[in-house]
Amino acid sequence: MDLKEIMAINLRRIRHGKQLTQEELADRSGLSARYIGAIERADVSASVTVLGQIAAALGVDPAELVTKSG
C-alpha cells in the first residue's frame, strides 16, 4: 500500500470520526470538496502544504494522516 492510499484511508476514518462531511472539511481547510474527495479516493497525491491544511482543519498532527495503522 502506498502513502497515497494510507492517507486516503486515514483521512476518511478521521473525518468520519469527527462527523464531518467532505464539504465541511473543505470549508475548514480552504480546499475544494472535489479535491478532498479525490484525496480520499487516492486519485491524487496531496502536497505537504495540503497535508498541513487538512491536518489543521481536523485538529490532528499531520503524521496521523500518513502513518499506517495496524
N, C-alpha and C. Protein backbone atom coordinates (compact mmCIF):
# COMPACT_ATOMS: atom_id res chain seq x y z
N MET A 1 0.85 -1.17 0.00
CA MET A 1 0.00 0.00 0.00
C MET A 1 0.90 1.24 0.00
N ASP A 2 0.63 2.17 -0.92
CA ASP A 2 1.48 3.36 -0.97
C ASP A 2 0.94 4.46 -0.06
N LEU A 3 1.73 5.49 0.09
CA LEU A 3 1.40 6.58 1.01
C LEU A 3 0.10 7.28 0.65
N LYS A 4 -0.18 7.37 -0.64
CA LYS A 4 -1.41 8.00 -1.11
C LYS A 4 -2.63 7.22 -0.59
N GLU A 5 -2.56 5.89 -0.64
CA GLU A 5 -3.66 5.05 -0.15
C GLU A 5 -3.79 5.11 1.37
N ILE A 6 -2.65 5.15 2.05
CA ILE A 6 -2.67 5.25 3.52
C ILE A 6 -3.34 6.56 3.93
N MET A 7 -2.97 7.65 3.25
CA MET A 7 -3.58 8.94 3.58
C MET A 7 -5.07 8.92 3.29
N ALA A 8 -5.47 8.30 2.21
CA ALA A 8 -6.89 8.22 1.86
C ALA A 8 -7.69 7.52 2.97
N ILE A 9 -7.18 6.40 3.42
CA ILE A 9 -7.86 5.62 4.47
C ILE A 9 -7.92 6.41 5.77
N ASN A 10 -6.78 6.99 6.16
CA ASN A 10 -6.73 7.73 7.42
C ASN A 10 -7.60 8.98 7.37
N LEU A 11 -7.57 9.69 6.27
CA LEU A 11 -8.38 10.90 6.13
C LEU A 11 -9.86 10.57 6.27
N ARG A 12 -10.31 9.56 5.57
CA ARG A 12 -11.72 9.17 5.63
C ARG A 12 -12.11 8.75 7.05
N ARG A 13 -11.25 7.96 7.70
CA ARG A 13 -11.53 7.48 9.06
C ARG A 13 -11.61 8.64 10.05
N ILE A 14 -10.65 9.53 9.99
CA ILE A 14 -10.62 10.66 10.93
C ILE A 14 -11.80 11.61 10.66
N ARG A 15 -12.07 11.88 9.39
CA ARG A 15 -13.18 12.78 9.05
C ARG A 15 -14.50 12.21 9.53
N HIS A 16 -14.73 10.93 9.30
CA HIS A 16 -15.96 10.29 9.77
C HIS A 16 -16.02 10.31 11.29
N GLY A 17 -14.90 10.07 11.95
CA GLY A 17 -14.85 10.09 13.41
C GLY A 17 -15.24 11.44 13.99
N LYS A 18 -14.95 12.50 13.26
CA LYS A 18 -15.30 13.85 13.70
C LYS A 18 -16.65 14.29 13.14
N GLN A 19 -17.32 13.38 12.47
CA GLN A 19 -18.64 13.60 11.89
C GLN A 19 -18.68 14.83 10.98
N LEU A 20 -17.68 14.90 10.11
CA LEU A 20 -17.60 15.99 9.14
C LEU A 20 -17.90 15.46 7.75
N THR A 21 -18.57 16.26 6.95
CA THR A 21 -18.75 15.92 5.54
C THR A 21 -17.51 16.41 4.79
N GLN A 22 -17.36 15.95 3.58
CA GLN A 22 -16.26 16.44 2.75
C GLN A 22 -16.39 17.94 2.55
N GLU A 23 -17.61 18.43 2.41
CA GLU A 23 -17.85 19.86 2.21
C GLU A 23 -17.42 20.66 3.44
N GLU A 24 -17.74 20.16 4.62
CA GLU A 24 -17.35 20.85 5.85
C GLU A 24 -15.83 20.88 6.00
N LEU A 25 -15.19 19.76 5.71
CA LEU A 25 -13.73 19.72 5.78
C LEU A 25 -13.12 20.66 4.74
N ALA A 26 -13.71 20.70 3.57
CA ALA A 26 -13.23 21.60 2.53
C ALA A 26 -13.30 23.05 3.00
N ASP A 27 -14.41 23.44 3.61
CA ASP A 27 -14.55 24.80 4.12
C ASP A 27 -13.49 25.11 5.17
N ARG A 28 -13.28 24.18 6.09
CA ARG A 28 -12.32 24.39 7.18
C ARG A 28 -10.88 24.46 6.68
N SER A 29 -10.59 23.71 5.62
CA SER A 29 -9.21 23.62 5.14
C SER A 29 -8.89 24.58 4.01
N GLY A 30 -9.92 25.23 3.45
CA GLY A 30 -9.69 26.14 2.33
C GLY A 30 -9.46 25.42 1.01
N LEU A 31 -9.90 24.17 0.94
CA LEU A 31 -9.76 23.37 -0.29
C LEU A 31 -11.14 23.11 -0.86
N SER A 32 -11.20 22.56 -2.05
CA SER A 32 -12.49 22.23 -2.63
C SER A 32 -12.94 20.84 -2.18
N ALA A 33 -14.24 20.65 -2.12
CA ALA A 33 -14.78 19.34 -1.75
C ALA A 33 -14.38 18.29 -2.78
N ARG A 34 -14.27 18.68 -4.04
CA ARG A 34 -13.85 17.73 -5.09
C ARG A 34 -12.43 17.24 -4.83
N TYR A 35 -11.56 18.16 -4.38
CA TYR A 35 -10.17 17.79 -4.10
C TYR A 35 -10.09 16.88 -2.88
N ILE A 36 -10.87 17.18 -1.85
CA ILE A 36 -10.92 16.31 -0.66
C ILE A 36 -11.37 14.91 -1.09
N GLY A 37 -12.40 14.84 -1.91
CA GLY A 37 -12.88 13.55 -2.40
C GLY A 37 -11.83 12.80 -3.20
N ALA A 38 -11.10 13.53 -4.02
CA ALA A 38 -10.05 12.89 -4.83
C ALA A 38 -8.93 12.34 -3.94
N ILE A 39 -8.60 13.06 -2.87
CA ILE A 39 -7.58 12.57 -1.93
C ILE A 39 -8.10 11.31 -1.23
N GLU A 40 -9.37 11.33 -0.81
CA GLU A 40 -9.95 10.17 -0.12
C GLU A 40 -10.06 8.94 -1.03
N ARG A 41 -10.15 9.14 -2.31
CA ARG A 41 -10.20 8.02 -3.26
C ARG A 41 -8.80 7.61 -3.71
N ALA A 42 -7.78 8.32 -3.22
CA ALA A 42 -6.39 8.10 -3.62
C ALA A 42 -6.19 8.34 -5.11
N ASP A 43 -6.98 9.26 -5.67
CA ASP A 43 -6.83 9.63 -7.07
C ASP A 43 -5.69 10.63 -7.26
N VAL A 44 -5.41 11.42 -6.22
CA VAL A 44 -4.34 12.42 -6.30
C VAL A 44 -3.45 12.31 -5.06
N SER A 45 -2.25 12.80 -5.19
CA SER A 45 -1.32 12.88 -4.06
C SER A 45 -1.37 14.29 -3.51
N ALA A 46 -1.54 14.41 -2.21
CA ALA A 46 -1.57 15.72 -1.58
C ALA A 46 -0.14 16.21 -1.33
N SER A 47 0.09 17.49 -1.54
CA SER A 47 1.39 18.08 -1.22
C SER A 47 1.52 18.20 0.29
N VAL A 48 2.70 18.48 0.77
CA VAL A 48 2.88 18.65 2.21
C VAL A 48 2.11 19.87 2.71
N THR A 49 1.96 20.87 1.87
CA THR A 49 1.17 22.05 2.24
C THR A 49 -0.29 21.66 2.46
N VAL A 50 -0.84 20.89 1.53
CA VAL A 50 -2.23 20.44 1.64
C VAL A 50 -2.38 19.50 2.84
N LEU A 51 -1.41 18.63 3.05
CA LEU A 51 -1.42 17.74 4.21
C LEU A 51 -1.54 18.57 5.48
N GLY A 52 -0.77 19.64 5.57
CA GLY A 52 -0.83 20.52 6.74
C GLY A 52 -2.17 21.22 6.89
N GLN A 53 -2.74 21.67 5.79
CA GLN A 53 -4.05 22.34 5.83
C GLN A 53 -5.13 21.38 6.32
N ILE A 54 -5.11 20.17 5.82
CA ILE A 54 -6.12 19.18 6.21
C ILE A 54 -5.93 18.79 7.68
N ALA A 55 -4.70 18.55 8.09
CA ALA A 55 -4.43 18.19 9.48
C ALA A 55 -4.90 19.29 10.43
N ALA A 56 -4.60 20.54 10.09
CA ALA A 56 -5.03 21.67 10.93
C ALA A 56 -6.55 21.74 11.00
N ALA A 57 -7.22 21.53 9.87
CA ALA A 57 -8.68 21.59 9.84
C ALA A 57 -9.30 20.47 10.67
N LEU A 58 -8.62 19.32 10.74
CA LEU A 58 -9.12 18.19 11.51
C LEU A 58 -8.66 18.24 12.97
N GLY A 59 -7.69 19.10 13.26
CA GLY A 59 -7.16 19.19 14.62
C GLY A 59 -6.30 18.00 15.00
N VAL A 60 -5.56 17.47 14.02
CA VAL A 60 -4.68 16.32 14.26
C VAL A 60 -3.27 16.65 13.81
N ASP A 61 -2.30 15.87 14.27
CA ASP A 61 -0.93 16.01 13.81
C ASP A 61 -0.86 15.47 12.38
N PRO A 62 -0.14 16.14 11.48
CA PRO A 62 -0.06 15.66 10.11
C PRO A 62 0.39 14.20 10.00
N ALA A 63 1.22 13.76 10.93
CA ALA A 63 1.71 12.37 10.90
C ALA A 63 0.57 11.37 11.00
N GLU A 64 -0.53 11.73 11.66
CA GLU A 64 -1.67 10.82 11.77
C GLU A 64 -2.29 10.49 10.43
N LEU A 65 -2.12 11.39 9.47
CA LEU A 65 -2.70 11.17 8.16
C LEU A 65 -1.86 10.25 7.28
N VAL A 66 -0.58 10.11 7.61
CA VAL A 66 0.29 9.33 6.74
C VAL A 66 0.94 8.12 7.44
N THR A 67 0.50 7.84 8.65
CA THR A 67 1.04 6.69 9.39
C THR A 67 0.15 5.48 9.18
N LYS A 68 0.75 4.40 8.74
CA LYS A 68 0.00 3.16 8.53
C LYS A 68 -0.39 2.58 9.89
N SER A 69 -1.68 2.31 10.06
CA SER A 69 -2.13 1.73 11.33
C SER A 69 -2.19 0.21 11.21
N GLY A 70 -2.11 -0.45 12.34
CA GLY A 70 -2.19 -1.91 12.35
C GLY A 70 -0.86 -2.47 12.23
